[in-house]
C-alpha atoms as a PDB file:
ATOM      1  CA  MET A   1       9.295 -69.034  61.259  1.00  0.00           C
ATOM      2  CA  PHE A   2      12.205 -67.306  63.620  1.00  0.00           C
ATOM      3  CA  ARG A   3      13.088 -64.284  62.480  1.00  0.00           C
ATOM      4  CA  GLU A   4      15.275 -62.340  63.594  1.00  0.00           C
ATOM      5  CA  GLU A   5      14.178 -59.422  64.696  1.00  0.00           C
ATOM      6  CA  SER A   6      17.470 -57.260  66.754  1.00  0.00           C
ATOM      7  CA  ARG A   7      19.809 -57.062  64.051  1.00  0.00           C
ATOM      8  CA  SER A   8      20.689 -53.857  64.475  1.00  0.00           C
ATOM      9  CA  ALA A   9      20.649 -51.310  60.792  1.00  0.00           C
ATOM     10  CA  PRO A  10      24.302 -50.535  59.523  1.00  0.00           C
ATOM     11  CA  LEU A  11      23.899 -47.246  60.337  1.00  0.00           C
ATOM     12  CA  GLU A  12      23.343 -44.628  63.104  1.00  0.00           C
ATOM     13  CA  GLU A  13      21.433 -41.824  63.648  1.00  0.00           C
ATOM     14  CA  GLY A  14      23.764 -37.932  63.550  1.00  0.00           C
ATOM     15  CA  GLU A  15      25.949 -40.257  60.898  1.00  0.00           C
ATOM     16  CA  VAL A  16      26.373 -39.054  56.893  1.00  0.00           C
ATOM     17  CA  TYR A  17      27.185 -40.732  53.588  1.00  0.00           C
ATOM     18  CA  ASP A  18      27.514 -40.832  49.663  1.00  0.00           C
ATOM     19  CA  VAL A  19      24.722 -41.801  48.035  1.00  0.00           C
ATOM     20  CA  THR A  20      22.812 -42.761  45.482  1.00  0.00           C
ATOM     21  CA  ILE A  21      19.571 -42.605  45.053  1.00  0.00           C
ATOM     22  CA  GLU A  22      18.672 -45.114  43.678  1.00  0.00           C
ATOM     23  CA  ASP A  23      13.696 -45.437  43.451  1.00  0.00           C
ATOM     24  CA  LEU A  24      11.637 -43.482  43.817  1.00  0.00           C
ATOM     25  CA  ALA A  25       8.586 -44.415  46.706  1.00  0.00           C
ATOM     26  CA  ARG A  26       4.946 -44.246  46.366  1.00  0.00           C
ATOM     27  CA  GLN A  27       5.679 -40.386  48.575  1.00  0.00           C
ATOM     28  CA  GLY A  28       8.037 -39.206  46.305  1.00  0.00           C
ATOM     29  CA  ASP A  29      11.275 -39.437  48.456  1.00  0.00           C
ATOM     30  CA  GLY A  30      14.489 -40.407  46.661  1.00  0.00           C
ATOM     31  CA  ILE A  31      15.627 -43.677  48.425  1.00  0.00           C
ATOM     32  CA  ALA A  32      19.018 -44.507  48.878  1.00  0.00           C
ATOM     33  CA  ARG A  33      20.498 -47.955  50.268  1.00  0.00           C
ATOM     34  CA  ILE A  34      23.480 -48.117  52.587  1.00  0.00           C
ATOM     35  CA  GLU A  35      24.431 -51.724  52.702  1.00  0.00           C
ATOM     36  CA  GLY A  36      21.013 -52.912  52.052  1.00  0.00           C
ATOM     37  CA  PHE A  37      19.117 -51.123  54.611  1.00  0.00           C
ATOM     38  CA  VAL A  38      16.281 -48.281  52.718  1.00  0.00           C
ATOM     39  CA  VAL A  39      17.005 -45.090  53.546  1.00  0.00           C
ATOM     40  CA  PHE A  40      14.136 -42.183  52.871  1.00  0.00           C
ATOM     41  CA  VAL A  41      15.797 -39.072  51.921  1.00  0.00           C
ATOM     42  CA  PRO A  42      13.181 -35.947  51.010  1.00  0.00           C
ATOM     43  CA  GLY A  43      14.265 -33.356  47.540  1.00  0.00           C
ATOM     44  CA  THR A  44      15.845 -35.387  45.299  1.00  0.00           C
ATOM     45  CA  LYS A  45      15.662 -37.825  42.253  1.00  0.00           C
ATOM     46  CA  VAL A  46      16.756 -41.318  40.730  1.00  0.00           C
ATOM     47  CA  GLY A  47      20.485 -40.996  39.730  1.00  0.00           C
ATOM     48  CA  ASP A  48      21.184 -37.612  42.058  1.00  0.00           C
ATOM     49  CA  GLU A  49      24.729 -38.331  43.758  1.00  0.00           C
ATOM     50  CA  VAL A  50      24.300 -36.982  47.322  1.00  0.00           C
ATOM     51  CA  ARG A  51      25.866 -36.570  50.704  1.00  0.00           C
ATOM     52  CA  ILE A  52      23.195 -37.092  53.636  1.00  0.00           C
ATOM     53  CA  LYS A  53      23.096 -36.732  57.592  1.00  0.00           C
ATOM     54  CA  VAL A  54      20.441 -39.329  58.927  1.00  0.00           C
ATOM     55  CA  GLU A  55      18.175 -38.055  61.172  1.00  0.00           C
ATOM     56  CA  ARG A  56      16.084 -40.967  62.038  1.00  0.00           C
ATOM     57  CA  VAL A  57      16.484 -44.910  62.048  1.00  0.00           C
ATOM     58  CA  LEU A  58      14.074 -47.203  62.770  1.00  0.00           C
ATOM     59  CA  PRO A  59      14.158 -51.371  62.242  1.00  0.00           C
ATOM     60  CA  LYS A  60      13.650 -51.726  58.619  1.00  0.00           C
ATOM     61  CA  TYR A  61      14.271 -48.014  56.873  1.00  0.00           C
ATOM     62  CA  GLY A  62      15.708 -44.778  58.236  1.00  0.00           C
ATOM     63  CA  PHE A  63      14.836 -41.127  57.396  1.00  0.00           C
ATOM     64  CA  ALA A  64      17.337 -38.880  56.504  1.00  0.00           C
ATOM     65  CA  SER A  65      18.780 -34.984  54.888  1.00  0.00           C
ATOM     66  CA  LEU A  66      20.528 -33.223  51.984  1.00  0.00           C
ATOM     67  CA  VAL A  67      23.712 -32.144  53.478  1.00  0.00           C
ATOM     68  CA  GLU A  68      24.958 -28.842  51.390  1.00  0.00           C
END
């Protein structure tokens, strides 16, 4: 089965977004989604509405930090 691996993420490193934390990862990081793309945000909990800065983007998910 053919899977398109070249699909680019809908976000870029260094960009800032307003998101709502929808879930928690096993490690305790908050999970937000930007156009369906999973972003892990440490130091957050479900229901938090936060501003994040994207730090790292991998093919299937990304990592962000809180913006004060």
